[in-house]
Amino acid sequence: MGVLIVDSDLKEREKNARVLSDARYTVHQASGFGEASEIIKRHRGRLVLLSELATGGDGGLNFLSETLRKFPFLPFTFLASDPPLESVIEALQKGAYDFLRKPVAPDILCHSVGRSIQKLDLTLEAEKQERDVRHLLAHSREELKAAQTLSSFKGFMISMAAHDFRSIITVLEGYVNMIHERCQGCSVAEPSGMLGQAQRTIGRLRTMANTLLDYEAAEKGQIHVERKPFSLVEVLRDAVGFYRQYAEQKGIDLSLDGVAPDLMAMGDRIKVMEILDNLLYNAMKFTPAKGMIRLTGNREDGFATVCVMDSGPGIQKEKLDSIFDQAAIVATLDAKARIGLGLSICRRLVEAQGGKIWIESTLGKGTLVYFSLPEK
């Protein structure tokens, strides 16, 4: 698999090329985006791309968008000496795979390229598997049964993605901890607060990785929970605290109301955080600006019951009947597909802890999602 380096700085470009050549990669070089586009086209996108953020007055973000429009599977990594945070965020939002600060240490460069090649290989193999399955489906009913292998392949992909996700989170957490140690004693308090938020975000990313693994386990009927008493009110506070800034950005009034300070539950704290993450994500997604989301918790007949209430558009009655059914996901094609998958996982996680989950909704008046867990 080849590597294309796009950099107008000849010295920097050749230095990185030597490092990768010594690591036995086939390296191609380009000094500008036009030349790079021709090389990518010639190789039909079967390349790992390392590009500077800007060259000769041309913007790398436009080059990123054009490249991924033609070759969406191509791993695209930016190299920049001192990139603005806004550019980093925009690049990642547009599909950049990685962002490395120049000058890049040889070991970091090789590690990044290695991960990119693994991603590209896995994507190309997935495409091959998909073509093979389509071919089987087109020929006979017996071959249609063979298409069930697609499900196991999907589970394999989810498992691989989740474990790779965890590995990257572990590395990121190490860097955050290192920065936190070096910042101890600093006179400015803001970096400490930002690092605290970064650590909370890492924790939430780890929860998302666990959700992927729980999806695979649910497919096999193998969800594992560790039931023990825990403070449900603390979990509710953590969940609201994490989403509060996002709610403020969207102009949504998010609050935790009327929860007893000693509210406890018997269950798996981490799984409950996954459930709340999915429910609050859906509420934030569908609640318009100037709307409200309320999170409440109370005791009912030996159960601790949580309610996530939003002032969104509500859900049609015919969809409520199948909203927890994975085979009839209620998602649309407008980037809201997580609602179906998330609620399916929530139901399985709640039931695995001896609880239940249900929804009440009225069109135009919002939605209430309840779930209950044994108190002890």
Protein backbone atom coordinates (compact mmCIF):
# COMPACT_ATOMS: atom_id res chain seq x y z
CA MET A 1 0.00 0.00 0.00
CA GLY A 2 1.39 3.41 -0.96
CA VAL A 3 1.67 6.66 0.98
CA LEU A 4 1.30 10.09 -0.65
CA ILE A 5 2.94 13.09 1.05
CA VAL A 6 1.71 16.52 -0.06
CA ASP A 7 3.93 19.32 1.23
CA SER A 8 5.34 22.45 -0.41
CA ASP A 9 8.26 22.34 2.05
CA LEU A 10 10.73 20.14 0.11
CA LYS A 11 13.00 19.56 3.10
CA GLU A 12 10.15 18.50 5.40
CA ARG A 13 8.56 16.38 2.67
CA GLU A 14 11.73 14.47 1.89
CA LYS A 15 12.51 13.95 5.58
CA ASN A 16 9.13 12.29 6.15
CA ALA A 17 9.51 10.33 2.91
CA ARG A 18 12.84 8.90 4.10
CA VAL A 19 11.32 7.84 7.42
CA LEU A 20 8.47 6.00 5.68
CA SER A 21 10.74 4.50 3.00
CA ASP A 22 13.00 3.13 5.74
CA ALA A 23 9.84 1.57 7.25
CA ARG A 24 9.30 -0.19 3.88
CA TYR A 25 6.37 1.91 2.66
CA THR A 26 6.06 2.92 -0.99
CA VAL A 27 6.14 6.72 -0.88
CA HIS A 28 4.84 9.20 -3.47
CA GLN A 29 5.43 12.94 -3.20
CA ALA A 30 3.62 16.04 -4.43
CA SER A 31 4.31 19.73 -3.84
CA GLY A 32 0.73 20.87 -4.44
CA PHE A 33 -2.87 19.73 -4.41
CA GLY A 34 -3.23 19.59 -8.20
CA GLU A 35 -0.30 17.23 -8.58
CA ALA A 36 -1.57 15.21 -5.62
CA SER A 37 -5.03 14.82 -7.20
CA GLU A 38 -3.50 13.27 -10.31
CA ILE A 39 -1.53 10.76 -8.23
CA ILE A 40 -4.63 9.83 -6.21
CA LYS A 41 -6.65 9.37 -9.40
CA ARG A 42 -3.92 7.22 -10.93
CA HIS A 43 -3.98 4.92 -7.90
CA ARG A 44 -7.83 4.97 -7.67
CA GLY A 45 -7.65 6.25 -4.12
CA ARG A 46 -5.76 3.20 -2.82
CA LEU A 47 -3.37 5.39 -0.89
CA VAL A 48 -2.76 6.79 2.57
CA LEU A 49 -2.62 10.59 2.31
CA LEU A 50 -0.49 12.94 4.44
CA SER A 51 -1.13 16.56 3.48
CA GLU A 52 -0.19 19.94 4.82
CA LEU A 53 -3.08 22.21 5.74
CA ALA A 54 -2.35 24.80 3.07
CA THR A 55 0.06 25.14 0.16
CA GLY A 56 0.60 27.91 -2.37
CA GLY A 57 -2.45 29.80 -1.19
CA ASP A 58 -4.72 26.79 -1.70
CA GLY A 59 -6.78 25.50 1.20
CA GLY A 60 -6.35 21.95 2.36
CA LEU A 61 -9.93 21.73 3.65
CA ASN A 62 -11.30 22.10 0.11
CA PHE A 63 -8.80 19.52 -1.07
CA LEU A 64 -10.01 17.22 1.72
CA SER A 65 -13.67 17.61 0.70
CA GLU A 66 -12.99 17.04 -3.00
CA THR A 67 -10.78 14.02 -2.33
CA LEU A 68 -13.24 12.30 0.02
CA ARG A 69 -16.13 13.04 -2.35
CA LYS A 70 -14.40 10.93 -5.00
CA PHE A 71 -12.69 8.42 -2.70
CA PRO A 72 -14.57 8.35 0.62
CA PHE A 73 -12.57 5.38 1.93
CA LEU A 74 -9.18 7.15 1.63
CA PRO A 75 -7.53 7.83 5.04
CA PHE A 76 -6.66 11.55 5.01
CA THR A 77 -4.24 12.95 7.62
CA PHE A 78 -3.29 16.63 7.91
CA LEU A 79 0.18 17.88 8.88
CA ALA A 80 0.49 21.39 10.28
CA SER A 81 2.98 23.33 12.40
CA ASP A 82 0.54 25.36 14.48
CA PRO A 83 -3.03 24.70 13.25
CA PRO A 84 -5.90 26.84 14.56
CA LEU A 85 -8.27 24.84 16.72
CA GLU A 86 -11.15 25.79 14.42
CA SER A 87 -9.31 24.27 11.43
CA VAL A 88 -8.64 21.04 13.34
CA ILE A 89 -12.30 20.70 14.33
CA GLU A 90 -13.54 21.51 10.82
CA ALA A 91 -11.12 19.02 9.26
CA LEU A 92 -12.26 16.21 11.56
CA GLN A 93 -15.90 17.09 10.92
CA LYS A 94 -15.29 16.87 7.17
CA GLY A 95 -13.82 13.39 7.49
CA ALA A 96 -10.08 13.78 8.18
CA TYR A 97 -8.74 10.62 9.81
CA ASP A 98 -5.94 12.22 11.84
CA PHE A 99 -4.16 15.52 12.51
CA LEU A 100 -0.40 15.56 13.26
CA ARG A 101 1.67 18.51 14.41
CA LYS A 102 4.83 19.28 12.41
CA PRO A 103 7.60 18.37 12.77
CA VAL A 104 6.29 14.82 13.28
CA ALA A 105 8.43 12.39 15.27
CA PRO A 106 9.35 9.32 13.18
CA ASP A 107 7.66 6.82 15.51
CA ILE A 108 4.43 8.83 15.61
CA LEU A 109 4.48 9.21 11.82
CA CYS A 110 4.95 5.46 11.27
CA HIS A 111 2.29 4.61 13.84
CA SER A 112 -0.24 6.96 12.22
CA VAL A 113 0.46 5.60 8.74
CA GLY A 114 0.23 2.04 10.04
CA ARG A 115 -3.22 2.69 11.54
CA SER A 116 -4.34 4.42 8.33
CA ILE A 117 -3.30 1.43 6.23
CA GLN A 118 -5.13 -0.93 8.56
CA LYS A 119 -8.25 1.22 8.18
CA LEU A 120 -7.93 1.29 4.40
CA ASP A 121 -7.37 -2.47 4.20
CA LEU A 122 -10.38 -3.12 6.41
CA THR A 123 -12.58 -0.78 4.35
CA LEU A 124 -11.53 -2.33 1.06
CA GLU A 125 -12.10 -5.80 2.48
CA ALA A 126 -15.54 -4.68 3.68
CA GLU A 127 -16.38 -3.48 0.17
CA LYS A 128 -15.26 -6.81 -1.25
CA GLN A 129 -17.41 -8.65 1.29
CA GLU A 130 -20.38 -6.46 0.41
CA ARG A 131 -19.95 -7.14 -3.32
CA ASP A 132 -19.73 -10.88 -2.67
CA VAL A 133 -22.90 -10.82 -0.56
CA ARG A 134 -24.80 -8.86 -3.24
CA HIS A 135 -23.70 -11.43 -5.79
CA LEU A 136 -25.01 -14.25 -3.61
CA LEU A 137 -28.35 -12.53 -3.04
CA ALA A 138 -28.87 -12.11 -6.78
CA HIS A 139 -28.72 -15.81 -7.66
CA SER A 140 -30.86 -18.09 -5.49
CA ARG A 141 -32.78 -18.53 -2.25
CA GLU A 142 -30.10 -20.87 -0.94
CA GLU A 143 -27.53 -18.19 -1.58
CA LEU A 144 -29.80 -15.78 0.31
CA LYS A 145 -29.23 -17.92 3.42
CA ALA A 146 -25.52 -17.54 2.90
CA ALA A 147 -26.03 -13.78 3.16
CA GLN A 148 -26.43 -14.27 6.91
CA THR A 149 -22.66 -14.12 6.97
CA LEU A 150 -23.12 -10.41 6.45
CA SER A 151 -24.53 -10.18 9.95
CA SER A 152 -21.52 -11.90 11.50
CA PHE A 153 -19.24 -9.71 9.39
CA LYS A 154 -21.12 -6.63 10.65
CA GLY A 155 -20.59 -7.84 14.21
CA PHE A 156 -16.90 -8.33 13.45
CA MET A 157 -16.67 -4.80 12.06
CA ILE A 158 -18.44 -3.34 15.09
CA SER A 159 -16.18 -5.25 17.46
CA MET A 160 -13.04 -4.19 15.59
CA ALA A 161 -14.18 -0.55 15.51
CA ALA A 162 -15.03 -0.55 19.22
CA HIS A 163 -11.73 -2.11 20.27
CA ASP A 164 -9.78 0.26 18.01
CA PHE A 165 -11.85 3.10 19.47
CA ARG A 166 -10.86 2.02 22.97
CA SER A 167 -7.18 1.84 22.02
CA ILE A 168 -7.21 5.37 20.63
CA ILE A 169 -9.05 6.62 23.74
CA THR A 170 -6.40 5.02 25.95
CA VAL A 171 -3.63 6.80 24.05
CA LEU A 172 -5.53 10.11 24.18
CA GLU A 173 -6.13 9.70 27.91
CA GLY A 174 -2.41 9.16 28.41
CA TYR A 175 -1.61 12.43 26.66
CA VAL A 176 -4.25 14.30 28.71
CA ASN A 177 -2.87 12.89 31.95
CA MET A 178 0.66 13.85 30.91
CA ILE A 179 -0.44 17.42 30.12
CA HIS A 180 -2.34 17.59 33.41
CA GLU A 181 0.78 16.57 35.35
CA ARG A 182 2.90 19.16 33.57
CA CYS A 183 0.30 21.88 34.20
CA GLN A 184 0.24 21.33 37.96
CA GLY A 185 1.31 24.50 39.67
CA CYS A 186 0.39 26.69 36.68
CA SER A 187 -0.99 30.08 37.67
CA VAL A 188 -3.79 30.01 35.08
CA ALA A 189 -6.85 27.97 36.07
CA GLU A 190 -8.39 27.68 32.58
CA PRO A 191 -6.14 24.84 31.29
CA SER A 192 -7.10 22.73 34.31
CA GLY A 193 -10.80 23.22 33.60
CA MET A 194 -10.34 22.38 29.95
CA LEU A 195 -8.41 19.24 30.86
CA GLY A 196 -11.17 18.23 33.26
CA GLN A 197 -13.72 18.57 30.48
CA ALA A 198 -11.42 16.63 28.14
CA GLN A 199 -11.20 13.81 30.68
CA ARG A 200 -15.00 13.72 31.03
CA THR A 201 -15.29 13.61 27.24
CA ILE A 202 -12.86 10.70 27.10
CA GLY A 203 -15.03 8.90 29.61
CA ARG A 204 -18.09 9.49 27.45
CA LEU A 205 -16.22 8.26 24.35
CA ARG A 206 -15.40 5.10 26.27
CA THR A 207 -19.11 4.73 27.06
CA MET A 208 -19.87 5.02 23.34
CA ALA A 209 -17.32 2.28 22.59
CA ASN A 210 -19.02 0.11 25.21
CA THR A 211 -22.35 0.74 23.46
CA LEU A 212 -20.92 -0.68 20.23
CA LEU A 213 -19.75 -3.78 22.06
CA ASP A 214 -23.11 -4.08 23.82
CA TYR A 215 -24.82 -3.98 20.43
CA GLU A 216 -22.76 -6.94 19.26
CA ALA A 217 -23.38 -8.79 22.53
CA ALA A 218 -27.12 -8.10 22.27
CA GLU A 219 -27.14 -9.63 18.80
CA LYS A 220 -25.83 -12.84 20.36
CA GLY A 221 -27.92 -12.60 23.53
CA GLN A 222 -24.77 -12.24 25.62
CA ILE A 223 -25.10 -8.88 27.40
CA HIS A 224 -23.13 -9.00 30.65
CA VAL A 225 -24.06 -6.71 33.54
CA GLU A 226 -22.54 -6.32 36.99
CA ARG A 227 -25.42 -5.55 39.32
CA LYS A 228 -24.59 -3.74 42.54
CA PRO A 229 -26.04 -0.81 44.51
CA PHE A 230 -25.04 2.63 43.21
CA SER A 231 -26.12 6.24 43.58
CA LEU A 232 -28.53 6.86 40.73
CA VAL A 233 -28.75 10.57 41.49
CA GLU A 234 -24.98 10.93 40.96
CA VAL A 235 -25.26 9.29 37.57
CA LEU A 236 -28.14 11.59 36.64
CA ARG A 237 -26.10 14.64 37.69
CA ASP A 238 -23.11 13.47 35.64
CA ALA A 239 -25.29 12.94 32.57
CA VAL A 240 -26.92 16.38 32.80
CA GLY A 241 -23.56 18.02 33.51
CA PHE A 242 -22.02 16.49 30.39
CA TYR A 243 -24.82 17.65 28.07
CA ARG A 244 -25.36 21.09 29.67
CA GLN A 245 -22.88 22.96 27.48
CA TYR A 246 -24.29 21.35 24.33
CA ALA A 247 -27.81 22.31 25.48
CA GLU A 248 -26.72 25.93 26.02
CA GLN A 249 -25.25 26.02 22.51
CA LYS A 250 -28.58 24.83 21.09
CA GLY A 251 -30.59 27.20 23.29
CA ILE A 252 -32.28 24.34 25.18
CA ASP A 253 -33.22 24.51 28.87
CA LEU A 254 -31.78 21.28 30.34
CA SER A 255 -32.22 20.52 34.04
CA LEU A 256 -32.42 17.83 36.70
CA ASP A 257 -35.59 18.25 38.76
CA GLY A 258 -37.06 16.77 41.92
CA VAL A 259 -34.62 13.90 42.50
CA ALA A 260 -34.10 12.63 46.04
CA PRO A 261 -30.45 13.08 47.09
CA ASP A 262 -30.33 9.48 48.36
CA LEU A 263 -31.91 7.84 45.29
CA MET A 264 -30.21 4.47 44.78
CA ALA A 265 -30.61 1.63 42.27
CA MET A 266 -29.43 -1.94 41.90
CA GLY A 267 -27.75 -2.34 38.54
CA ASP A 268 -24.68 -1.70 36.42
CA ARG A 269 -23.64 1.96 36.75
CA ILE A 270 -21.74 1.97 33.43
CA LYS A 271 -24.69 0.44 31.55
CA VAL A 272 -27.05 2.99 33.09
CA MET A 273 -24.76 5.77 31.86
CA GLU A 274 -24.99 4.24 28.37
CA ILE A 275 -28.79 4.27 28.62
CA LEU A 276 -28.87 7.93 29.71
CA ASP A 277 -26.38 8.90 27.02
CA ASN A 278 -28.64 7.46 24.32
CA LEU A 279 -31.83 8.95 25.76
CA LEU A 280 -30.36 12.43 26.26
CA TYR A 281 -28.74 12.33 22.82
CA ASN A 282 -32.13 11.64 21.24
CA ALA A 283 -33.81 14.35 23.33
CA MET A 284 -31.14 16.89 22.33
CA LYS A 285 -31.41 15.85 18.69
CA PHE A 286 -35.15 16.34 18.41
CA THR A 287 -35.74 19.26 20.78
CA PRO A 288 -35.74 22.64 18.97
CA ALA A 289 -34.10 25.84 20.19
CA LYS A 290 -35.91 27.45 23.15
CA GLY A 291 -37.25 24.02 24.04
CA MET A 292 -36.71 22.18 27.31
CA ILE A 293 -35.50 18.81 28.56
CA ARG A 294 -36.20 17.63 32.12
CA LEU A 295 -34.58 14.66 33.82
CA THR A 296 -36.39 13.35 36.91
CA GLY A 297 -36.06 10.36 39.22
CA ASN A 298 -38.25 8.93 41.97
CA ARG A 299 -39.20 5.77 43.87
CA GLU A 300 -42.16 3.64 42.87
CA ASP A 301 -43.04 0.26 44.43
CA GLY A 302 -39.46 -0.87 45.05
CA PHE A 303 -38.13 0.56 41.78
CA ALA A 304 -36.15 3.69 40.98
CA THR A 305 -37.79 5.28 37.95
CA VAL A 306 -36.10 7.82 35.68
CA CYS A 307 -37.91 10.01 33.15
CA VAL A 308 -36.34 11.97 30.28
CA MET A 309 -38.95 14.51 29.14
CA ASP A 310 -38.51 16.78 26.11
CA SER A 311 -40.60 19.39 24.30
CA GLY A 312 -39.76 18.05 20.85
CA PRO A 313 -42.20 17.25 18.02
CA GLY A 314 -43.34 13.94 19.53
CA ILE A 315 -43.62 10.50 17.92
CA GLN A 316 -46.50 9.10 15.87
CA LYS A 317 -48.55 6.42 17.65
CA GLU A 318 -47.96 3.82 14.93
CA LYS A 319 -44.21 4.25 15.35
CA LEU A 320 -44.39 3.97 19.14
CA ASP A 321 -45.58 0.38 18.79
CA SER A 322 -42.32 -0.68 17.12
CA ILE A 323 -39.83 1.90 18.38
CA PHE A 324 -37.86 -0.62 20.47
CA ASP A 325 -37.88 -3.23 17.70
CA GLN A 326 -34.51 -3.37 15.98
CA ALA A 327 -36.10 -4.95 12.90
CA ALA A 328 -38.32 -1.88 12.47
CA ILE A 329 -35.99 1.01 13.35
CA VAL A 330 -37.85 4.28 13.45
CA ALA A 331 -34.94 6.24 12.03
CA THR A 332 -35.16 8.44 8.97
CA LEU A 333 -32.38 9.19 6.51
CA ASP A 334 -31.63 12.64 7.95
CA ALA A 335 -28.65 11.80 10.19
CA LYS A 336 -30.98 10.71 13.04
CA ALA A 337 -30.52 6.96 12.62
CA ARG A 338 -29.13 6.61 16.12
CA ILE A 339 -32.62 6.81 17.63
CA GLY A 340 -33.60 3.32 16.46
CA LEU A 341 -30.34 1.60 17.31
CA GLY A 342 -30.01 3.49 20.61
CA LEU A 343 -33.50 2.61 21.88
CA SER A 344 -33.07 -1.02 20.89
CA ILE A 345 -29.88 -1.21 22.96
CA CYS A 346 -31.50 0.72 25.83
CA ARG A 347 -34.32 -1.81 26.08
CA ARG A 348 -31.90 -4.74 26.21
CA LEU A 349 -29.67 -3.04 28.77
CA VAL A 350 -32.61 -2.15 31.03
CA GLU A 351 -34.15 -5.63 30.84
CA ALA A 352 -30.77 -7.26 31.52
CA GLN A 353 -30.76 -5.38 34.86
CA GLY A 354 -34.25 -6.53 35.83
CA GLY A 355 -35.96 -3.28 34.83
CA LYS A 356 -38.32 -2.04 32.13
CA ILE A 357 -38.50 0.89 29.70
CA TRP A 358 -41.47 2.58 28.04
CA ILE A 359 -42.38 5.74 26.11
CA GLU A 360 -45.28 8.17 26.17
CA SER A 361 -45.53 10.74 23.40
CA THR A 362 -48.00 13.15 21.82
CA LEU A 363 -47.44 14.80 18.45
CA GLY A 364 -46.62 18.45 18.91
CA LYS A 365 -46.27 18.14 22.70
CA GLY A 366 -43.08 16.19 23.24
CA THR A 367 -41.96 12.80 24.48
CA LEU A 368 -41.41 11.13 27.85
CA VAL A 369 -39.08 8.13 28.04
CA TYR A 370 -39.20 6.17 31.31
CA PHE A 371 -37.02 3.38 32.59
CA SER A 372 -37.03 1.73 36.00
CA LEU A 373 -34.50 -0.37 37.92
CA PRO A 374 -34.87 -2.28 41.19
CA GLU A 375 -33.86 -0.25 44.23
CA LYS A 376 -32.15 -3.26 45.78
